[in-house]
């Protein structure tokens, strides 16, 4: 089940994988088997985490959060040498906390991991990125840039044999994309646009990376760069119905809203956003806009300590 979910999410995205993930979780829960130990326990923790990630990208945050917590509890029952999945769970929880407007909770989660000794370089870089995103949401420019510099430094030598297998997706494009989002939150639209464009242009990444392309449109629109916004949204119009990330679709809708609320918007751009709105409504009439948001995540759950 885990392998099939990963393949579906990578190629088609969370919008298509989320219903399958929910059915798979219900099948496992209906089986009612006792929690296994050893390798089987690690497999179950990974399964719940993969399902939780897919539901996060599908903006189904209630079930995603619950499954993340189950995966974390399972991971912490494993022998120390088999617990690397715990770090993946915490990385997703930290990102979810920032996404839902809880950057201080995200900082506590990421800082608790970064305080550990002897983290693999790629894992440490990932949590410095999570830290940077939270700092940026809090308006802490210097701290955010320091965290990004640390992430860049730890990623400079590329993958190492100490990196866990699950960290394969944290590459240069991923780092560029999140760097761009940090700069966007800090008000540097030009710097953000350059990095998001680089991330969006990378080939072969998972389907959720459509988020960086959608976020580029949002950044350009909020900056009032109307010519660039029109060109980028026009280019996205063809691929938008195939976007598998609901987070990306919601970001695209925020870009359209920024144009709709803008001043001195060229007529051509208003036509572009009108056509794009109609296209999304026609192709994705039942898409969720953040279903199941958990707006009051625990600020310091015992599981994160």
Protein backbone atom coordinates (compact mmCIF):
# COMPACT_ATOMS: atom_id res chain seq x y z
CA UNK A 1 0.00 0.00 0.00
CA UNK A 2 2.78 2.43 0.89
CA UNK A 3 4.59 1.84 -2.40
CA UNK A 4 1.42 2.33 -4.39
CA UNK A 5 0.53 5.53 -2.53
CA UNK A 6 4.02 6.96 -3.06
CA UNK A 7 3.89 6.21 -6.78
CA UNK A 8 0.45 7.76 -7.16
CA UNK A 9 1.42 10.87 -5.20
CA UNK A 10 4.66 11.35 -7.13
CA UNK A 11 3.05 11.10 -10.57
CA UNK A 12 -0.48 12.48 -10.15
CA UNK A 13 -0.35 14.29 -6.83
CA UNK A 14 -2.34 14.43 -3.63
CA UNK A 15 -5.63 15.42 -5.28
CA UNK A 16 -5.78 11.96 -6.85
CA UNK A 17 -3.92 10.07 -4.12
CA UNK A 18 -5.91 11.37 -1.13
CA UNK A 19 -9.07 9.26 -1.69
CA UNK A 20 -6.90 6.16 -2.13
CA UNK A 21 -4.96 7.05 1.02
CA UNK A 22 -8.15 7.40 3.03
CA UNK A 23 -9.48 4.06 1.77
CA UNK A 24 -6.16 2.39 2.58
CA UNK A 25 -6.15 3.81 6.11
CA UNK A 26 -9.70 2.58 6.69
CA UNK A 27 -8.69 -0.89 5.48
CA UNK A 28 -5.78 -1.01 7.93
CA UNK A 29 -7.92 0.31 10.78
CA UNK A 30 -10.71 -2.16 10.00
CA UNK A 31 -8.22 -5.03 10.20
CA UNK A 32 -7.79 -4.14 13.87
CA UNK A 33 -4.46 -5.92 14.12
CA UNK A 34 -2.21 -5.35 17.12
CA UNK A 35 0.67 -2.98 16.50
CA UNK A 36 3.59 -5.12 15.35
CA UNK A 37 7.15 -4.77 16.52
CA UNK A 38 10.40 -4.49 14.62
CA UNK A 39 10.41 -4.07 10.86
CA UNK A 40 6.65 -4.52 10.57
CA UNK A 41 6.15 -1.68 13.09
CA UNK A 42 8.43 0.54 11.02
CA UNK A 43 6.43 -0.32 7.90
CA UNK A 44 3.17 0.65 9.62
CA UNK A 45 4.64 3.94 10.85
CA UNK A 46 5.83 4.72 7.33
CA UNK A 47 2.42 3.86 5.89
CA UNK A 48 0.62 6.25 8.24
CA UNK A 49 3.20 8.95 7.53
CA UNK A 50 2.85 8.64 3.76
CA UNK A 51 -0.93 8.84 4.08
CA UNK A 52 -0.56 11.86 6.39
CA UNK A 53 1.72 13.64 3.90
CA UNK A 54 -0.72 13.06 1.03
CA UNK A 55 -3.63 14.38 3.09
CA UNK A 56 -1.54 17.42 4.07
CA UNK A 57 -0.90 18.28 0.42
CA UNK A 58 -4.59 17.70 -0.25
CA UNK A 59 -5.39 20.30 2.47
CA UNK A 60 -7.18 17.69 4.59
CA UNK A 61 -5.43 18.77 7.73
CA UNK A 62 -7.57 17.12 10.39
CA UNK A 63 -6.95 13.52 9.30
CA UNK A 64 -3.40 14.38 8.25
CA UNK A 65 -2.53 15.65 11.72
CA UNK A 66 -4.09 12.65 13.42
CA UNK A 67 -2.19 10.21 11.19
CA UNK A 68 1.07 12.07 11.73
CA UNK A 69 0.63 11.70 15.47
CA UNK A 70 -0.08 7.98 15.09
CA UNK A 71 3.01 7.57 12.93
CA UNK A 72 5.09 9.43 15.51
CA UNK A 73 3.84 7.29 18.38
CA UNK A 74 4.64 4.13 16.42
CA UNK A 75 8.09 5.36 15.40
CA UNK A 76 9.03 6.10 18.99
CA UNK A 77 8.28 2.52 19.98
CA UNK A 78 10.89 1.22 17.55
CA UNK A 79 14.51 0.40 18.41
CA UNK A 80 16.77 3.45 18.13
CA UNK A 81 18.45 2.24 14.93
CA UNK A 82 15.07 1.95 13.16
CA UNK A 83 13.59 5.30 14.16
CA UNK A 84 14.62 7.57 11.29
CA UNK A 85 10.98 7.73 10.17
CA UNK A 86 10.38 9.81 13.31
CA UNK A 87 12.39 12.63 11.71
CA UNK A 88 10.26 12.53 8.57
CA UNK A 89 7.08 12.76 10.66
CA UNK A 90 8.44 15.73 12.60
CA UNK A 91 9.48 17.49 9.39
CA UNK A 92 5.94 17.25 8.02
CA UNK A 93 4.41 18.32 11.33
CA UNK A 94 6.70 21.34 11.46
CA UNK A 95 5.72 22.34 7.92
CA UNK A 96 2.03 21.82 8.71
CA UNK A 97 2.28 24.01 11.79
CA UNK A 98 3.70 26.90 9.75
CA UNK A 99 1.20 26.33 6.94
CA UNK A 100 -1.72 26.59 9.36
CA UNK A 101 -0.41 29.74 11.03
CA UNK A 102 1.47 28.33 14.02
CA UNK A 103 5.10 29.33 13.32
CA UNK A 104 6.12 29.33 16.99
CA UNK A 105 4.96 25.74 17.37
CA UNK A 106 6.86 24.92 14.18
CA UNK A 107 10.02 26.45 15.64
CA UNK A 108 9.68 24.33 18.77
CA UNK A 109 9.33 21.22 16.64
CA UNK A 110 12.30 22.00 14.38
CA UNK A 111 14.49 23.22 17.25
CA UNK A 112 13.87 20.01 19.19
CA UNK A 113 15.31 18.05 16.27
CA UNK A 114 18.21 20.40 15.58
CA UNK A 115 19.25 20.08 19.23
CA UNK A 116 20.03 16.41 18.63
CA UNK A 117 23.57 15.31 18.07
CA UNK A 118 24.97 13.81 14.91
CA UNK A 119 22.06 14.45 12.54
CA UNK A 120 22.68 13.38 8.94
CA UNK A 121 23.56 16.50 6.87
CA UNK A 122 20.49 16.40 4.64
CA UNK A 123 18.17 15.96 7.62
CA UNK A 124 19.79 18.88 9.43
CA UNK A 125 19.46 21.02 6.28
CA UNK A 126 15.78 20.11 6.01
CA UNK A 127 15.04 21.20 9.56
CA UNK A 128 16.97 24.44 9.09
CA UNK A 129 14.61 25.11 6.17
CA UNK A 130 11.60 24.41 8.38
CA UNK A 131 13.13 26.79 10.94
CA UNK A 132 13.67 29.46 8.26
CA UNK A 133 10.05 29.25 7.08
CA UNK A 134 8.79 29.75 10.64
CA UNK A 135 11.16 32.65 11.34
CA UNK A 136 10.04 34.33 8.12
CA UNK A 137 6.38 34.04 9.08
CA UNK A 138 7.27 35.77 12.34
CA UNK A 139 9.08 38.56 10.45
CA UNK A 140 12.51 37.58 11.82
CA UNK A 141 14.57 38.34 8.75
CA UNK A 142 18.06 37.85 10.20
CA UNK A 143 17.15 34.55 11.88
CA UNK A 144 15.45 33.26 8.74
CA UNK A 145 18.46 34.06 6.57
CA UNK A 146 20.84 32.46 9.08
CA UNK A 147 18.79 29.27 8.99
CA UNK A 148 18.82 29.28 5.19
CA UNK A 149 22.59 29.81 5.15
CA UNK A 150 22.98 26.80 7.45
CA UNK A 151 20.77 24.71 5.16
CA UNK A 152 22.81 25.74 2.11
CA UNK A 153 26.06 24.90 3.86
CA UNK A 154 24.89 21.47 4.96
CA UNK A 155 23.59 20.70 1.47
CA UNK A 156 26.71 21.88 -0.34
CA UNK A 157 28.38 18.47 -0.57
CA UNK A 158 25.27 16.70 -1.89
CA UNK A 159 23.83 13.44 -0.53
CA UNK A 160 25.81 11.43 1.98
CA UNK A 161 25.67 7.75 2.90
CA UNK A 162 24.27 8.79 6.29
CA UNK A 163 21.13 10.34 4.84
CA UNK A 164 17.97 8.26 5.32
CA UNK A 165 16.36 6.85 2.19
CA UNK A 166 13.21 8.93 2.70
CA UNK A 167 15.15 12.18 2.25
CA UNK A 168 15.71 11.65 -1.51
CA UNK A 169 13.33 14.50 -2.44
CA UNK A 170 15.24 17.16 -0.51
CA UNK A 171 17.44 18.40 -3.35
CA UNK A 172 18.55 21.72 -4.83
CA UNK A 173 15.16 22.46 -6.37
CA UNK A 174 13.39 21.83 -3.05
CA UNK A 175 15.82 24.12 -1.24
CA UNK A 176 15.48 26.83 -3.88
CA UNK A 177 11.70 26.68 -3.69
CA UNK A 178 11.55 27.04 0.08
CA UNK A 179 14.23 29.74 -0.02
CA UNK A 180 11.99 31.61 -2.43
CA UNK A 181 9.00 31.26 -0.11
CA UNK A 182 11.05 32.58 2.80
CA UNK A 183 12.04 35.65 0.77
CA UNK A 184 8.41 36.14 -0.27
CA UNK A 185 7.32 36.19 3.38
CA UNK A 186 10.11 38.68 4.10
CA UNK A 187 8.93 41.03 1.34
CA UNK A 188 11.69 40.38 -1.19
CA UNK A 189 9.51 39.69 -4.22
CA UNK A 190 12.33 39.94 -6.76
CA UNK A 191 14.58 37.48 -4.93
CA UNK A 192 11.65 35.16 -4.27
CA UNK A 193 10.61 35.17 -7.93
CA UNK A 194 14.09 34.20 -9.14
CA UNK A 195 14.33 31.24 -6.78
CA UNK A 196 10.77 30.04 -7.33
CA UNK A 197 11.31 30.19 -11.08
CA UNK A 198 14.44 28.05 -10.73
CA UNK A 199 12.56 25.54 -8.56
CA UNK A 200 9.58 25.42 -10.91
CA UNK A 201 11.84 24.90 -13.92
CA UNK A 202 13.54 21.79 -12.50
CA UNK A 203 12.63 18.55 -14.21
CA UNK A 204 11.64 15.20 -12.76
CA UNK A 205 10.39 16.32 -9.36
CA UNK A 206 7.32 15.01 -7.56
CA UNK A 207 3.88 16.34 -8.53
CA UNK A 208 3.57 18.54 -5.44
CA UNK A 209 6.29 20.85 -6.79
CA UNK A 210 3.64 22.50 -8.92
CA UNK A 211 3.30 24.48 -5.68
CA UNK A 212 6.42 26.48 -6.55
CA UNK A 213 5.02 27.45 -9.94
CA UNK A 214 1.71 28.51 -8.39
CA UNK A 215 3.48 30.41 -5.63
CA UNK A 216 5.49 32.29 -8.24
CA UNK A 217 2.23 33.55 -9.74
CA UNK A 218 1.05 34.57 -6.28
CA UNK A 219 4.31 36.43 -5.52
CA UNK A 220 4.23 38.30 -8.83
CA UNK A 221 0.58 39.25 -8.37
CA UNK A 222 1.05 40.51 -4.84
CA UNK A 223 4.04 42.58 -6.01
CA UNK A 224 1.89 44.20 -8.69
CA UNK A 225 4.19 43.00 -11.46
CA UNK A 226 1.29 42.82 -13.86
CA UNK A 227 3.13 42.06 -17.10
CA UNK A 228 5.09 39.21 -15.50
CA UNK A 229 1.97 37.94 -13.72
CA UNK A 230 0.03 37.82 -16.98
CA UNK A 231 2.80 35.92 -18.75
CA UNK A 232 3.20 33.41 -15.94
CA UNK A 233 -0.50 32.77 -15.31
CA UNK A 234 -1.08 32.40 -19.05
CA UNK A 235 1.69 29.78 -19.13
CA UNK A 236 0.12 27.95 -16.16
CA UNK A 237 -3.37 27.89 -17.66
CA UNK A 238 -2.65 24.73 -19.66
CA UNK A 239 -1.13 22.81 -16.76
CA UNK A 240 -3.43 24.04 -13.96
CA UNK A 241 -6.12 21.34 -14.42
CA UNK A 242 -3.41 18.70 -14.05
CA UNK A 243 -2.01 20.11 -10.82
CA UNK A 244 -2.18 17.34 -8.28
CA UNK A 245 -1.32 19.47 -5.24
CA UNK A 246 -4.36 21.10 -3.64
CA UNK A 247 -1.98 23.47 -1.87
CA UNK A 248 -0.78 24.56 -5.32
CA UNK A 249 -4.33 25.07 -6.57
CA UNK A 250 -5.17 27.15 -3.53
CA UNK A 251 -2.04 29.23 -4.07
CA UNK A 252 -3.09 29.77 -7.67
CA UNK A 253 -6.50 30.91 -6.48
CA UNK A 254 -4.78 33.37 -4.12
CA UNK A 255 -2.82 34.74 -7.08
CA UNK A 256 -6.09 35.29 -8.93
CA UNK A 257 -7.56 36.99 -5.87
CA UNK A 258 -4.53 39.31 -5.66
CA UNK A 259 -5.07 40.36 -9.26
CA UNK A 260 -8.80 40.82 -8.71
CA UNK A 261 -8.08 43.12 -5.77
CA UNK A 262 -5.25 44.99 -7.48
CA UNK A 263 -5.15 48.55 -8.79
CA UNK A 264 -4.48 49.58 -12.37
CA UNK A 265 -4.56 45.99 -13.52
CA UNK A 266 -4.29 45.74 -17.31
CA UNK A 267 -7.42 44.56 -19.08
CA UNK A 268 -5.54 41.65 -20.62
CA UNK A 269 -4.50 40.31 -17.20
CA UNK A 270 -8.05 40.57 -15.88
CA UNK A 271 -9.12 38.52 -18.88
CA UNK A 272 -6.42 35.96 -18.12
CA UNK A 273 -7.53 35.54 -14.50
CA UNK A 274 -11.19 35.39 -15.52
CA UNK A 275 -10.43 32.62 -18.01
CA UNK A 276 -8.30 30.80 -15.44
CA UNK A 277 -11.03 31.04 -12.81
CA UNK A 278 -13.58 29.61 -15.22
CA UNK A 279 -11.18 26.85 -16.21
CA UNK A 280 -10.57 25.84 -12.58
CA UNK A 281 -14.29 25.92 -11.82
CA UNK A 282 -15.03 23.77 -14.86
CA UNK A 283 -12.20 21.27 -14.49
CA UNK A 284 -12.13 21.11 -10.69
CA UNK A 285 -15.69 21.89 -9.58
CA UNK A 286 -15.55 19.91 -6.36
CA UNK A 287 -12.01 20.70 -5.25
CA UNK A 288 -11.58 21.32 -1.55
CA UNK A 289 -10.34 24.69 -0.32
CA UNK A 290 -8.60 23.57 2.84
CA UNK A 291 -11.06 21.00 4.14
CA UNK A 292 -10.50 19.90 7.70
CA UNK A 293 -8.08 22.64 8.74
CA UNK A 294 -6.84 22.29 12.28
CA UNK A 295 -6.59 25.93 13.29
CA UNK A 296 -5.78 25.16 16.92
CA UNK A 297 -2.95 22.66 16.76
CA UNK A 298 -1.47 21.99 20.19
CA UNK A 299 1.33 24.49 20.72
CA UNK A 300 3.54 22.02 22.54
CA UNK A 301 2.23 18.47 22.26
CA UNK A 302 4.06 15.97 24.48
CA UNK A 303 4.91 13.89 21.39
CA UNK A 304 7.11 16.69 20.01
CA UNK A 305 9.36 17.02 23.06
